Amino acid sequence: MDNNENEDRKIDTDINFDDESKFNKFVSLYGGATIGGVIALLLCVTGIYKFLFCVVIILVGMFIGNYIQRNKIDVKQKLKDFIDKF
């Protein structure tokens, strides 16, 4: 009986350590995704996502405008070829 009791105690201890190691493994694998999800949830709840979306649209517009200004000839040619296809 003593041998069985020692094995039961050993199994219980292993289960506790195993649960903790599973949690640590989960956190190490999905910690970034969990933090990102919490931040996204906060952005949605507070409505800041609308502001950030507008800022992204403005930045994309600035990038496109800068690209067109620096590559006028290429853009004109690509636009002309695109129109000719239709």
C-alpha atoms as a PDB file:
ATOM      1  CA  MET A   1       0.000   0.000   0.000  1.00  0.00           C
ATOM      2  CA  ASP A   2       2.804   2.426   0.786  1.00  0.00           C
ATOM      3  CA  ASN A   3       4.159   2.043  -2.712  1.00  0.00           C
ATOM      4  CA  ASN A   4       0.741   2.810  -4.238  1.00  0.00           C
ATOM      5  CA  GLU A   5       0.282   5.895  -2.055  1.00  0.00           C
ATOM      6  CA  ASN A   6       3.691   7.197  -3.072  1.00  0.00           C
ATOM      7  CA  GLU A   7       2.811   6.722  -6.753  1.00  0.00           C
ATOM      8  CA  ASP A   8      -0.540   8.531  -6.263  1.00  0.00           C
ATOM      9  CA  ARG A   9       1.223  11.462  -4.608  1.00  0.00           C
ATOM     10  CA  LYS A  10       3.795  11.502  -7.382  1.00  0.00           C
ATOM     11  CA  ILE A  11       1.070  11.547 -10.034  1.00  0.00           C
ATOM     12  CA  ASP A  12      -0.781  14.389  -8.269  1.00  0.00           C
ATOM     13  CA  THR A  13       2.413  16.432  -8.107  1.00  0.00           C
ATOM     14  CA  ASP A  14       3.127  15.749 -11.782  1.00  0.00           C
ATOM     15  CA  ILE A  15      -0.388  16.862 -12.714  1.00  0.00           C
ATOM     16  CA  ASN A  16       0.067  20.178 -10.904  1.00  0.00           C
ATOM     17  CA  PHE A  17       3.402  20.799 -12.579  1.00  0.00           C
ATOM     18  CA  ASP A  18       1.983  19.632 -15.888  1.00  0.00           C
ATOM     19  CA  ASP A  19      -0.921  22.094 -15.630  1.00  0.00           C
ATOM     20  CA  GLU A  20       1.499  24.904 -14.870  1.00  0.00           C
ATOM     21  CA  SER A  21       3.765  23.942 -17.742  1.00  0.00           C
ATOM     22  CA  LYS A  22       0.761  23.758 -20.084  1.00  0.00           C
ATOM     23  CA  PHE A  23      -0.210  27.281 -19.037  1.00  0.00           C
ATOM     24  CA  ASN A  24       3.345  28.531 -19.536  1.00  0.00           C
ATOM     25  CA  LYS A  25       3.483  26.842 -22.927  1.00  0.00           C
ATOM     26  CA  PHE A  26       0.144  28.413 -23.900  1.00  0.00           C
ATOM     27  CA  VAL A  27       1.360  31.858 -22.812  1.00  0.00           C
ATOM     28  CA  SER A  28       4.641  31.456 -24.675  1.00  0.00           C
ATOM     29  CA  LEU A  29       2.847  30.334 -27.842  1.00  0.00           C
ATOM     30  CA  TYR A  30      -0.150  32.674 -27.815  1.00  0.00           C
ATOM     31  CA  GLY A  31       0.888  35.534 -25.504  1.00  0.00           C
ATOM     32  CA  GLY A  32       1.344  38.013 -28.343  1.00  0.00           C
ATOM     33  CA  ALA A  33      -1.974  37.086 -29.911  1.00  0.00           C
ATOM     34  CA  THR A  34      -3.719  37.439 -26.564  1.00  0.00           C
ATOM     35  CA  ILE A  35      -2.218  40.874 -25.944  1.00  0.00           C
ATOM     36  CA  GLY A  36      -3.075  41.921 -29.500  1.00  0.00           C
ATOM     37  CA  GLY A  37      -6.658  40.741 -29.004  1.00  0.00           C
ATOM     38  CA  VAL A  38      -6.997  42.723 -25.781  1.00  0.00           C
ATOM     39  CA  ILE A  39      -5.609  45.850 -27.442  1.00  0.00           C
ATOM     40  CA  ALA A  40      -7.955  45.406 -30.429  1.00  0.00           C
ATOM     41  CA  LEU A  41     -10.873  44.971 -28.049  1.00  0.00           C
ATOM     42  CA  LEU A  42      -9.957  48.191 -26.236  1.00  0.00           C
ATOM     43  CA  LEU A  43      -9.656  50.052 -29.551  1.00  0.00           C
ATOM     44  CA  CYS A  44     -13.087  48.838 -30.625  1.00  0.00           C
ATOM     45  CA  VAL A  45     -14.733  49.642 -27.309  1.00  0.00           C
ATOM     46  CA  THR A  46     -13.280  53.148 -27.116  1.00  0.00           C
ATOM     47  CA  GLY A  47     -13.876  53.984 -30.786  1.00  0.00           C
ATOM     48  CA  ILE A  48     -10.242  54.881 -31.429  1.00  0.00           C
ATOM     49  CA  TYR A  49     -10.247  52.482 -34.377  1.00  0.00           C
ATOM     50  CA  LYS A  50     -12.205  55.071 -36.401  1.00  0.00           C
ATOM     51  CA  PHE A  51      -9.453  57.619 -35.840  1.00  0.00           C
ATOM     52  CA  LEU A  52      -6.717  55.098 -36.634  1.00  0.00           C
ATOM     53  CA  PHE A  53      -8.526  54.018 -39.802  1.00  0.00           C
ATOM     54  CA  CYS A  54      -8.663  57.650 -40.966  1.00  0.00           C
ATOM     55  CA  VAL A  55      -4.964  58.107 -40.214  1.00  0.00           C
ATOM     56  CA  VAL A  56      -4.112  54.985 -42.246  1.00  0.00           C
ATOM     57  CA  ILE A  57      -6.187  56.236 -45.199  1.00  0.00           C
ATOM     58  CA  ILE A  58      -4.414  59.609 -45.041  1.00  0.00           C
ATOM     59  CA  LEU A  59      -0.992  57.927 -44.960  1.00  0.00           C
ATOM     60  CA  VAL A  60      -1.873  55.702 -47.940  1.00  0.00           C
ATOM     61  CA  GLY A  61      -3.032  58.767 -49.869  1.00  0.00           C
ATOM     62  CA  MET A  62       0.216  60.574 -49.060  1.00  0.00           C
ATOM     63  CA  PHE A  63       2.244  57.562 -50.202  1.00  0.00           C
ATOM     64  CA  ILE A  64       0.326  57.290 -53.491  1.00  0.00           C
ATOM     65  CA  GLY A  65       0.649  61.027 -54.141  1.00  0.00           C
ATOM     66  CA  ASN A  66       4.379  60.936 -53.478  1.00  0.00           C
ATOM     67  CA  TYR A  67       4.806  57.913 -55.756  1.00  0.00           C
ATOM     68  CA  ILE A  68       2.887  59.610 -58.584  1.00  0.00           C
ATOM     69  CA  GLN A  69       4.867  62.822 -58.199  1.00  0.00           C
ATOM     70  CA  ARG A  70       8.225  61.014 -58.374  1.00  0.00           C
ATOM     71  CA  ASN A  71       7.219  58.675 -61.239  1.00  0.00           C
ATOM     72  CA  LYS A  72       5.052  60.889 -63.463  1.00  0.00           C
ATOM     73  CA  ILE A  73       6.212  59.425 -66.752  1.00  0.00           C
ATOM     74  CA  ASP A  74       5.814  55.794 -65.678  1.00  0.00           C
ATOM     75  CA  VAL A  75       2.398  56.455 -64.148  1.00  0.00           C
ATOM     76  CA  LYS A  76       1.182  58.250 -67.289  1.00  0.00           C
ATOM     77  CA  GLN A  77       2.334  55.362 -69.468  1.00  0.00           C
ATOM     78  CA  LYS A  78       0.767  52.703 -67.210  1.00  0.00           C
ATOM     79  CA  LEU A  79      -2.489  54.673 -67.057  1.00  0.00           C
ATOM     80  CA  LYS A  80      -2.513  55.095 -70.833  1.00  0.00           C
ATOM     81  CA  ASP A  81      -1.914  51.346 -71.334  1.00  0.00           C
ATOM     82  CA  PHE A  82      -4.666  50.538 -68.833  1.00  0.00           C
ATOM     83  CA  ILE A  83      -7.167  52.805 -70.617  1.00  0.00           C
ATOM     84  CA  ASP A  84      -6.197  51.341 -74.005  1.00  0.00           C
ATOM     85  CA  LYS A  85      -7.061  47.831 -72.762  1.00  0.00           C
ATOM     86  CA  PHE A  86     -10.647  48.927 -72.230  1.00  0.00           C
END
